[in-house]
Amino acid sequence: MIPLAVRQQLNEAHARGDYGPLLGLIPYAGLIGIECQRQGDELLFRLPANPDNIGNPLLPAIHGGVVAGFMELSAALYLLIHSDSVSIPKIIDFSIDYLRAAHLRDTFAHCQLWRQGRRVTNVAITAWQAERDTPVATARAHFKIEPQKPLK
């Protein structure tokens, strides 16, 4: 079950379109600096450029683990916000394709729900920096969800 305090934060975030307080409940989101904003019906996740997230100081480029963590957390938040699950989505598997170096600049992510079954949901995530048509990484994630009504 989603704790009542989290459900209240989620409802308030929906009403105001401000997901900052909801992200404040997740320590890792604060550590890497994830932000979320609503643009119409779409959610856009942002990872601001931060020297603490550098993995390769020669380029400089964001650490691949930070990129993967950003994309996985974006997908989980997307499901938490858009699904009718009564529990917090739990990751089953995550597969990422790194397409190019994620240089030290703002990185964005967009999530798309591919399939929502009764217990498992599939989400596609695309991350880019300068241009949306030039992704730095793509990923697929499966999450376990709990339906609102018990299955027979």
N, C-alpha and C. Protein backbone atom coordinates (compact mmCIF):
# COMPACT_ATOMS: atom_id res chain seq x y z
N MET A 1 0.84 -1.19 0.00
CA MET A 1 0.00 0.00 0.00
C MET A 1 0.89 1.25 0.00
N ILE A 2 0.42 2.28 -0.68
CA ILE A 2 1.12 3.56 -0.66
C ILE A 2 0.76 4.23 0.66
N PRO A 3 1.79 4.62 1.44
CA PRO A 3 1.51 5.29 2.72
C PRO A 3 0.63 6.53 2.50
N LEU A 4 -0.19 6.82 3.48
CA LEU A 4 -1.14 7.92 3.38
C LEU A 4 -0.43 9.25 3.12
N ALA A 5 0.72 9.49 3.78
CA ALA A 5 1.45 10.75 3.58
C ALA A 5 1.93 10.88 2.14
N VAL A 6 2.37 9.78 1.55
CA VAL A 6 2.83 9.80 0.16
C VAL A 6 1.64 10.02 -0.77
N ARG A 7 0.53 9.37 -0.50
CA ARG A 7 -0.68 9.55 -1.32
C ARG A 7 -1.13 11.01 -1.27
N GLN A 8 -1.08 11.63 -0.08
CA GLN A 8 -1.47 13.04 0.05
C GLN A 8 -0.51 13.93 -0.75
N GLN A 9 0.80 13.65 -0.65
CA GLN A 9 1.79 14.42 -1.43
C GLN A 9 1.52 14.26 -2.92
N LEU A 10 1.19 13.06 -3.34
CA LEU A 10 0.91 12.78 -4.74
C LEU A 10 -0.31 13.55 -5.22
N ASN A 11 -1.38 13.55 -4.43
CA ASN A 11 -2.59 14.28 -4.78
C ASN A 11 -2.34 15.80 -4.85
N GLU A 12 -1.55 16.31 -3.90
CA GLU A 12 -1.22 17.74 -3.91
C GLU A 12 -0.36 18.08 -5.12
N ALA A 13 0.57 17.20 -5.46
CA ALA A 13 1.44 17.43 -6.63
C ALA A 13 0.60 17.49 -7.90
N HIS A 14 -0.37 16.59 -8.03
CA HIS A 14 -1.27 16.59 -9.19
C HIS A 14 -2.03 17.91 -9.26
N ALA A 15 -2.56 18.34 -8.13
CA ALA A 15 -3.39 19.54 -8.10
C ALA A 15 -2.58 20.79 -8.47
N ARG A 16 -1.35 20.89 -7.99
CA ARG A 16 -0.54 22.08 -8.23
C ARG A 16 0.35 21.96 -9.47
N GLY A 17 0.60 20.72 -9.90
CA GLY A 17 1.54 20.53 -11.01
C GLY A 17 2.97 20.70 -10.56
N ASP A 18 3.22 20.64 -9.25
CA ASP A 18 4.56 20.80 -8.68
C ASP A 18 4.95 19.50 -7.99
N TYR A 19 5.92 18.80 -8.56
CA TYR A 19 6.31 17.49 -8.02
C TYR A 19 7.55 17.56 -7.13
N GLY A 20 8.03 18.77 -6.83
CA GLY A 20 9.20 18.94 -5.97
C GLY A 20 9.04 18.31 -4.59
N PRO A 21 7.92 18.57 -3.89
CA PRO A 21 7.75 17.95 -2.57
C PRO A 21 7.72 16.42 -2.62
N LEU A 22 7.15 15.87 -3.69
CA LEU A 22 7.12 14.42 -3.85
C LEU A 22 8.53 13.89 -4.05
N LEU A 23 9.34 14.57 -4.87
CA LEU A 23 10.73 14.17 -5.07
C LEU A 23 11.54 14.31 -3.80
N GLY A 24 11.14 15.25 -2.92
CA GLY A 24 11.82 15.44 -1.65
C GLY A 24 11.71 14.24 -0.73
N LEU A 25 10.74 13.36 -0.98
CA LEU A 25 10.58 12.15 -0.17
C LEU A 25 11.56 11.05 -0.58
N ILE A 26 12.27 11.23 -1.69
CA ILE A 26 13.17 10.20 -2.22
C ILE A 26 14.60 10.70 -2.10
N PRO A 27 15.39 10.15 -1.17
CA PRO A 27 16.76 10.64 -0.95
C PRO A 27 17.64 10.62 -2.21
N TYR A 28 17.54 9.58 -3.03
CA TYR A 28 18.39 9.50 -4.22
C TYR A 28 18.05 10.60 -5.22
N ALA A 29 16.78 10.96 -5.31
CA ALA A 29 16.36 12.05 -6.20
C ALA A 29 17.04 13.35 -5.78
N GLY A 30 17.13 13.57 -4.49
CA GLY A 30 17.82 14.77 -3.99
C GLY A 30 19.32 14.70 -4.20
N LEU A 31 19.89 13.52 -4.07
CA LEU A 31 21.34 13.35 -4.22
C LEU A 31 21.80 13.71 -5.62
N ILE A 32 21.10 13.23 -6.64
CA ILE A 32 21.52 13.53 -8.01
C ILE A 32 20.82 14.76 -8.57
N GLY A 33 19.76 15.23 -7.92
CA GLY A 33 19.12 16.49 -8.29
C GLY A 33 17.99 16.41 -9.29
N ILE A 34 17.26 15.31 -9.33
CA ILE A 34 16.17 15.14 -10.30
C ILE A 34 15.07 16.18 -10.07
N GLU A 35 14.55 16.70 -11.19
CA GLU A 35 13.40 17.60 -11.16
C GLU A 35 12.35 17.05 -12.11
N CYS A 36 11.10 17.41 -11.88
CA CYS A 36 10.00 16.94 -12.71
C CYS A 36 9.03 18.09 -12.93
N GLN A 37 8.61 18.24 -14.18
CA GLN A 37 7.61 19.26 -14.48
C GLN A 37 6.59 18.71 -15.45
N ARG A 38 5.40 19.22 -15.33
CA ARG A 38 4.32 18.79 -16.22
C ARG A 38 4.22 19.79 -17.36
N GLN A 39 4.15 19.25 -18.58
CA GLN A 39 3.95 20.07 -19.77
C GLN A 39 2.72 19.53 -20.48
N GLY A 40 1.58 20.13 -20.19
CA GLY A 40 0.32 19.61 -20.69
C GLY A 40 0.01 18.30 -20.00
N ASP A 41 -0.19 17.24 -20.78
CA ASP A 41 -0.45 15.92 -20.22
C ASP A 41 0.84 15.12 -20.02
N GLU A 42 1.96 15.68 -20.41
CA GLU A 42 3.23 14.97 -20.40
C GLU A 42 4.08 15.39 -19.21
N LEU A 43 4.86 14.43 -18.69
CA LEU A 43 5.83 14.73 -17.64
C LEU A 43 7.22 14.77 -18.27
N LEU A 44 8.00 15.77 -17.89
CA LEU A 44 9.37 15.88 -18.35
C LEU A 44 10.27 15.86 -17.13
N PHE A 45 11.20 14.92 -17.11
CA PHE A 45 12.14 14.79 -16.00
C PHE A 45 13.45 15.46 -16.42
N ARG A 46 14.10 16.12 -15.45
CA ARG A 46 15.33 16.86 -15.73
C ARG A 46 16.38 16.52 -14.70
N LEU A 47 17.58 16.26 -15.18
CA LEU A 47 18.76 16.06 -14.33
C LEU A 47 19.69 17.23 -14.61
N PRO A 48 19.70 18.24 -13.72
CA PRO A 48 20.54 19.41 -13.97
C PRO A 48 22.03 19.03 -13.98
N ALA A 49 22.78 19.78 -14.77
CA ALA A 49 24.23 19.57 -14.82
C ALA A 49 24.80 19.78 -13.41
N ASN A 50 25.56 18.81 -12.94
CA ASN A 50 26.12 18.86 -11.59
C ASN A 50 27.49 18.19 -11.62
N PRO A 51 28.55 18.91 -11.27
CA PRO A 51 29.90 18.31 -11.28
C PRO A 51 30.02 17.06 -10.40
N ASP A 52 29.16 16.93 -9.38
CA ASP A 52 29.20 15.74 -8.52
C ASP A 52 28.77 14.48 -9.26
N ASN A 53 28.08 14.61 -10.40
CA ASN A 53 27.59 13.45 -11.16
C ASN A 53 28.56 13.01 -12.26
N ILE A 54 29.73 13.63 -12.33
CA ILE A 54 30.70 13.30 -13.38
C ILE A 54 31.34 11.94 -13.10
N GLY A 55 31.41 11.13 -14.16
CA GLY A 55 32.10 9.84 -14.08
C GLY A 55 33.42 9.87 -14.83
N ASN A 56 33.47 10.62 -15.94
CA ASN A 56 34.69 10.74 -16.73
C ASN A 56 35.08 12.22 -16.76
N PRO A 57 36.08 12.61 -15.94
CA PRO A 57 36.45 14.02 -15.88
C PRO A 57 37.18 14.53 -17.13
N LEU A 58 37.64 13.64 -17.98
CA LEU A 58 38.35 14.07 -19.18
C LEU A 58 37.41 14.65 -20.22
N LEU A 59 36.18 14.14 -20.32
CA LEU A 59 35.25 14.64 -21.35
C LEU A 59 34.65 15.99 -20.99
N PRO A 60 34.16 16.35 -19.91
CA PRO A 60 33.60 15.57 -18.80
C PRO A 60 32.23 14.99 -19.18
N ALA A 61 31.95 13.82 -18.63
CA ALA A 61 30.68 13.13 -18.91
C ALA A 61 30.05 12.63 -17.61
N ILE A 62 28.74 12.60 -17.62
CA ILE A 62 28.00 12.10 -16.46
C ILE A 62 28.22 10.60 -16.33
N HIS A 63 28.36 10.12 -15.12
CA HIS A 63 28.58 8.70 -14.84
C HIS A 63 27.39 7.89 -15.38
N GLY A 64 27.68 6.77 -16.02
CA GLY A 64 26.63 5.92 -16.59
C GLY A 64 25.64 5.44 -15.54
N GLY A 65 26.09 5.20 -14.33
CA GLY A 65 25.20 4.77 -13.26
C GLY A 65 24.23 5.87 -12.86
N VAL A 66 24.67 7.12 -12.94
CA VAL A 66 23.79 8.24 -12.63
C VAL A 66 22.73 8.37 -13.72
N VAL A 67 23.15 8.20 -14.98
CA VAL A 67 22.19 8.25 -16.09
C VAL A 67 21.16 7.14 -15.93
N ALA A 68 21.62 5.92 -15.64
CA ALA A 68 20.70 4.79 -15.46
C ALA A 68 19.78 5.02 -14.26
N GLY A 69 20.32 5.50 -13.15
CA GLY A 69 19.51 5.77 -11.97
C GLY A 69 18.46 6.85 -12.24
N PHE A 70 18.87 7.87 -12.97
CA PHE A 70 17.95 8.94 -13.36
C PHE A 70 16.81 8.39 -14.20
N MET A 71 17.13 7.54 -15.15
CA MET A 71 16.09 7.00 -16.04
C MET A 71 15.18 6.02 -15.30
N GLU A 72 15.75 5.18 -14.45
CA GLU A 72 14.93 4.22 -13.70
C GLU A 72 14.00 4.94 -12.73
N LEU A 73 14.53 5.93 -12.03
CA LEU A 73 13.70 6.68 -11.09
C LEU A 73 12.63 7.49 -11.81
N SER A 74 12.96 8.00 -12.98
CA SER A 74 11.96 8.72 -13.79
C SER A 74 10.81 7.79 -14.16
N ALA A 75 11.13 6.57 -14.56
CA ALA A 75 10.09 5.60 -14.92
C ALA A 75 9.22 5.25 -13.71
N ALA A 76 9.85 5.03 -12.56
CA ALA A 76 9.09 4.70 -11.35
C ALA A 76 8.17 5.85 -10.95
N LEU A 77 8.68 7.07 -11.02
CA LEU A 77 7.85 8.23 -10.69
C LEU A 77 6.72 8.40 -11.69
N TYR A 78 7.02 8.18 -12.95
CA TYR A 78 6.00 8.27 -13.99
C TYR A 78 4.85 7.30 -13.69
N LEU A 79 5.20 6.07 -13.32
CA LEU A 79 4.16 5.09 -12.99
C LEU A 79 3.41 5.47 -11.72
N LEU A 80 4.15 5.95 -10.73
CA LEU A 80 3.50 6.34 -9.48
C LEU A 80 2.46 7.43 -9.75
N ILE A 81 2.79 8.33 -10.65
CA ILE A 81 1.91 9.45 -10.96
C ILE A 81 0.76 9.04 -11.88
N HIS A 82 1.04 8.16 -12.86
CA HIS A 82 0.04 7.86 -13.89
C HIS A 82 -0.71 6.54 -13.73
N SER A 83 -0.23 5.63 -12.93
CA SER A 83 -0.92 4.34 -12.84
C SER A 83 -1.95 4.37 -11.72
N ASP A 84 -2.82 3.38 -11.73
CA ASP A 84 -3.83 3.27 -10.68
C ASP A 84 -3.45 2.20 -9.66
N SER A 85 -2.15 1.94 -9.56
CA SER A 85 -1.66 0.95 -8.61
C SER A 85 -1.88 1.45 -7.18
N VAL A 86 -2.19 0.53 -6.29
CA VAL A 86 -2.38 0.89 -4.88
C VAL A 86 -1.07 0.79 -4.10
N SER A 87 0.01 0.39 -4.77
CA SER A 87 1.30 0.30 -4.11
C SER A 87 2.35 1.04 -4.94
N ILE A 88 3.48 1.30 -4.34
CA ILE A 88 4.59 1.92 -5.05
C ILE A 88 5.13 0.89 -6.04
N PRO A 89 5.31 1.26 -7.32
CA PRO A 89 5.81 0.29 -8.31
C PRO A 89 7.18 -0.26 -7.89
N LYS A 90 7.34 -1.57 -8.08
CA LYS A 90 8.60 -2.23 -7.72
C LYS A 90 9.28 -2.70 -9.00
N ILE A 91 10.56 -2.37 -9.13
CA ILE A 91 11.30 -2.70 -10.35
C ILE A 91 11.50 -4.22 -10.45
N ILE A 92 11.23 -4.76 -11.62
CA ILE A 92 11.50 -6.17 -11.90
C ILE A 92 12.79 -6.29 -12.68
N ASP A 93 12.88 -5.54 -13.79
CA ASP A 93 14.14 -5.50 -14.54
C ASP A 93 14.26 -4.17 -15.27
N PHE A 94 15.50 -3.87 -15.63
CA PHE A 94 15.81 -2.60 -16.27
C PHE A 94 16.93 -2.86 -17.27
N SER A 95 16.73 -2.42 -18.49
CA SER A 95 17.72 -2.62 -19.54
C SER A 95 17.98 -1.28 -20.21
N ILE A 96 19.25 -0.90 -20.29
CA ILE A 96 19.60 0.41 -20.84
C ILE A 96 20.56 0.26 -22.01
N ASP A 97 20.40 1.12 -22.99
CA ASP A 97 21.32 1.21 -24.12
C ASP A 97 21.93 2.60 -24.09
N TYR A 98 23.25 2.66 -23.88
CA TYR A 98 23.96 3.94 -23.92
C TYR A 98 24.29 4.24 -25.38
N LEU A 99 23.85 5.36 -25.88
CA LEU A 99 24.01 5.69 -27.30
C LEU A 99 25.15 6.66 -27.55
N ARG A 100 25.43 7.54 -26.60
CA ARG A 100 26.54 8.49 -26.72
C ARG A 100 26.85 9.03 -25.33
N ALA A 101 27.97 9.72 -25.21
CA ALA A 101 28.36 10.27 -23.91
C ALA A 101 27.37 11.35 -23.47
N ALA A 102 27.01 11.30 -22.21
CA ALA A 102 26.15 12.33 -21.62
C ALA A 102 27.06 13.38 -21.01
N HIS A 103 27.33 14.42 -21.76
CA HIS A 103 28.25 15.47 -21.32
C HIS A 103 27.66 16.24 -20.15
N LEU A 104 28.50 17.06 -19.54
CA LEU A 104 28.08 17.80 -18.36
C LEU A 104 27.17 18.96 -18.77
N ARG A 105 25.91 18.65 -18.98
CA ARG A 105 24.86 19.63 -19.26
C ARG A 105 23.54 19.01 -18.81
N ASP A 106 22.51 19.80 -18.80
CA ASP A 106 21.20 19.29 -18.36
C ASP A 106 20.79 18.09 -19.23
N THR A 107 20.25 17.09 -18.57
CA THR A 107 19.77 15.88 -19.24
C THR A 107 18.28 15.75 -18.96
N PHE A 108 17.52 15.36 -19.97
CA PHE A 108 16.08 15.25 -19.85
C PHE A 108 15.65 13.82 -20.14
N ALA A 109 14.51 13.43 -19.58
CA ALA A 109 13.96 12.10 -19.83
C ALA A 109 12.47 12.18 -20.05
N HIS A 110 12.02 11.34 -20.95
CA HIS A 110 10.59 11.20 -21.26
C HIS A 110 10.24 9.73 -21.12
N CYS A 111 9.12 9.44 -20.50
CA CYS A 111 8.68 8.06 -20.31
C CYS A 111 7.42 7.81 -21.11
N GLN A 112 7.30 6.57 -21.57
CA GLN A 112 6.11 6.18 -22.33
C GLN A 112 5.67 4.81 -21.84
N LEU A 113 4.42 4.72 -21.47
CA LEU A 113 3.85 3.46 -21.02
C LEU A 113 3.58 2.59 -22.24
N TRP A 114 4.29 1.47 -22.35
CA TRP A 114 4.10 0.57 -23.50
C TRP A 114 2.96 -0.39 -23.24
N ARG A 115 2.94 -0.93 -22.04
CA ARG A 115 1.89 -1.91 -21.72
C ARG A 115 1.66 -1.91 -20.22
N GLN A 116 0.40 -1.87 -19.84
CA GLN A 116 0.05 -2.01 -18.43
C GLN A 116 -0.87 -3.20 -18.29
N GLY A 117 -0.34 -4.25 -17.71
CA GLY A 117 -1.15 -5.42 -17.43
C GLY A 117 -1.73 -5.32 -16.04
N ARG A 118 -2.23 -6.44 -15.56
CA ARG A 118 -2.82 -6.44 -14.22
C ARG A 118 -1.77 -6.36 -13.13
N ARG A 119 -0.60 -6.95 -13.38
CA ARG A 119 0.44 -6.98 -12.35
C ARG A 119 1.79 -6.44 -12.81
N VAL A 120 2.01 -6.37 -14.12
CA VAL A 120 3.30 -5.94 -14.65
C VAL A 120 3.07 -4.82 -15.66
N THR A 121 3.94 -3.83 -15.60
CA THR A 121 3.87 -2.69 -16.50
C THR A 121 5.22 -2.51 -17.18
N ASN A 122 5.18 -2.17 -18.47
CA ASN A 122 6.39 -1.96 -19.26
C ASN A 122 6.47 -0.48 -19.62
N VAL A 123 7.61 0.14 -19.33
CA VAL A 123 7.82 1.56 -19.60
C VAL A 123 9.07 1.73 -20.45
N ALA A 124 8.99 2.58 -21.48
CA ALA A 124 10.15 2.94 -22.29
C ALA A 124 10.60 4.34 -21.86
N ILE A 125 11.91 4.53 -21.73
CA ILE A 125 12.46 5.80 -21.28
C ILE A 125 13.49 6.26 -22.30
N THR A 126 13.45 7.52 -22.66
CA THR A 126 14.42 8.12 -23.55
C THR A 126 15.05 9.31 -22.85
N ALA A 127 16.39 9.38 -22.87
CA ALA A 127 17.11 10.50 -22.26
C ALA A 127 17.89 11.24 -23.34
N TRP A 128 17.87 12.56 -23.27
CA TRP A 128 18.60 13.37 -24.24
C TRP A 128 19.14 14.61 -23.55
N GLN A 129 19.99 15.33 -24.28
CA GLN A 129 20.53 16.57 -23.73
C GLN A 129 20.16 17.77 -24.59
N ALA A 130 20.88 18.02 -25.65
CA ALA A 130 20.64 19.22 -26.45
C ALA A 130 19.37 19.10 -27.30
N GLU A 131 19.22 17.99 -27.97
CA GLU A 131 18.08 17.80 -28.87
C GLU A 131 17.37 16.50 -28.56
N ARG A 132 16.06 16.56 -28.53
CA ARG A 132 15.26 15.38 -28.20
C ARG A 132 15.45 14.27 -29.23
N ASP A 133 15.75 14.64 -30.47
CA ASP A 133 15.94 13.65 -31.54
C ASP A 133 17.31 12.97 -31.48
N THR A 134 18.17 13.38 -30.54
CA THR A 134 19.49 12.80 -30.40
C THR A 134 19.66 12.28 -28.98
N PRO A 135 19.08 11.11 -28.67
CA PRO A 135 19.14 10.60 -27.30
C PRO A 135 20.54 10.17 -26.90
N VAL A 136 20.83 10.31 -25.60
CA VAL A 136 22.09 9.80 -25.05
C VAL A 136 21.90 8.36 -24.57
N ALA A 137 20.66 7.99 -24.26
CA ALA A 137 20.37 6.62 -23.81
C ALA A 137 18.88 6.33 -23.97
N THR A 138 18.58 5.05 -24.17
CA THR A 138 17.20 4.58 -24.14
C THR A 138 17.16 3.40 -23.18
N ALA A 139 16.00 3.17 -22.59
CA ALA A 139 15.89 2.08 -21.62
C ALA A 139 14.48 1.51 -21.64
N ARG A 140 14.37 0.29 -21.13
CA ARG A 140 13.10 -0.39 -20.94
C ARG A 140 13.07 -0.89 -19.50
N ALA A 141 11.92 -0.73 -18.88
CA ALA A 141 11.79 -1.17 -17.49
C ALA A 141 10.47 -1.89 -17.30
N HIS A 142 10.50 -2.94 -16.49
CA HIS A 142 9.29 -3.64 -16.10
C HIS A 142 9.11 -3.43 -14.60
N PHE A 143 7.88 -3.11 -14.22
CA PHE A 143 7.57 -2.89 -12.82
C PHE A 143 6.41 -3.77 -12.40
N LYS A 144 6.46 -4.22 -11.14
CA LYS A 144 5.35 -4.95 -10.54
C LYS A 144 4.44 -3.90 -9.92
N ILE A 145 3.15 -4.02 -10.22
CA ILE A 145 2.15 -3.13 -9.65
C ILE A 145 1.07 -3.97 -9.00
N GLU A 146 0.30 -3.34 -8.15
CA GLU A 146 -0.83 -4.02 -7.52
C GLU A 146 -2.12 -3.38 -8.00
N PRO A 147 -3.03 -4.20 -8.52
CA PRO A 147 -4.29 -3.63 -9.01
C PRO A 147 -5.14 -3.10 -7.86
N GLN A 148 -6.06 -2.20 -8.19
CA GLN A 148 -6.95 -1.61 -7.17
C GLN A 148 -7.84 -2.68 -6.57
N LYS A 149 -8.33 -3.62 -7.40
CA LYS A 149 -9.20 -4.66 -6.91
C LYS A 149 -8.42 -5.97 -6.87
N PRO A 150 -8.61 -6.79 -5.84
CA PRO A 150 -7.93 -8.08 -5.79
C PRO A 150 -8.34 -8.97 -6.97
N LEU A 151 -7.37 -9.71 -7.50
CA LEU A 151 -7.65 -10.62 -8.58
C LEU A 151 -8.31 -11.88 -8.04
N LYS A 152 -9.18 -12.49 -8.82
CA LYS A 152 -9.86 -13.73 -8.38
C LYS A 152 -9.02 -14.92 -8.70
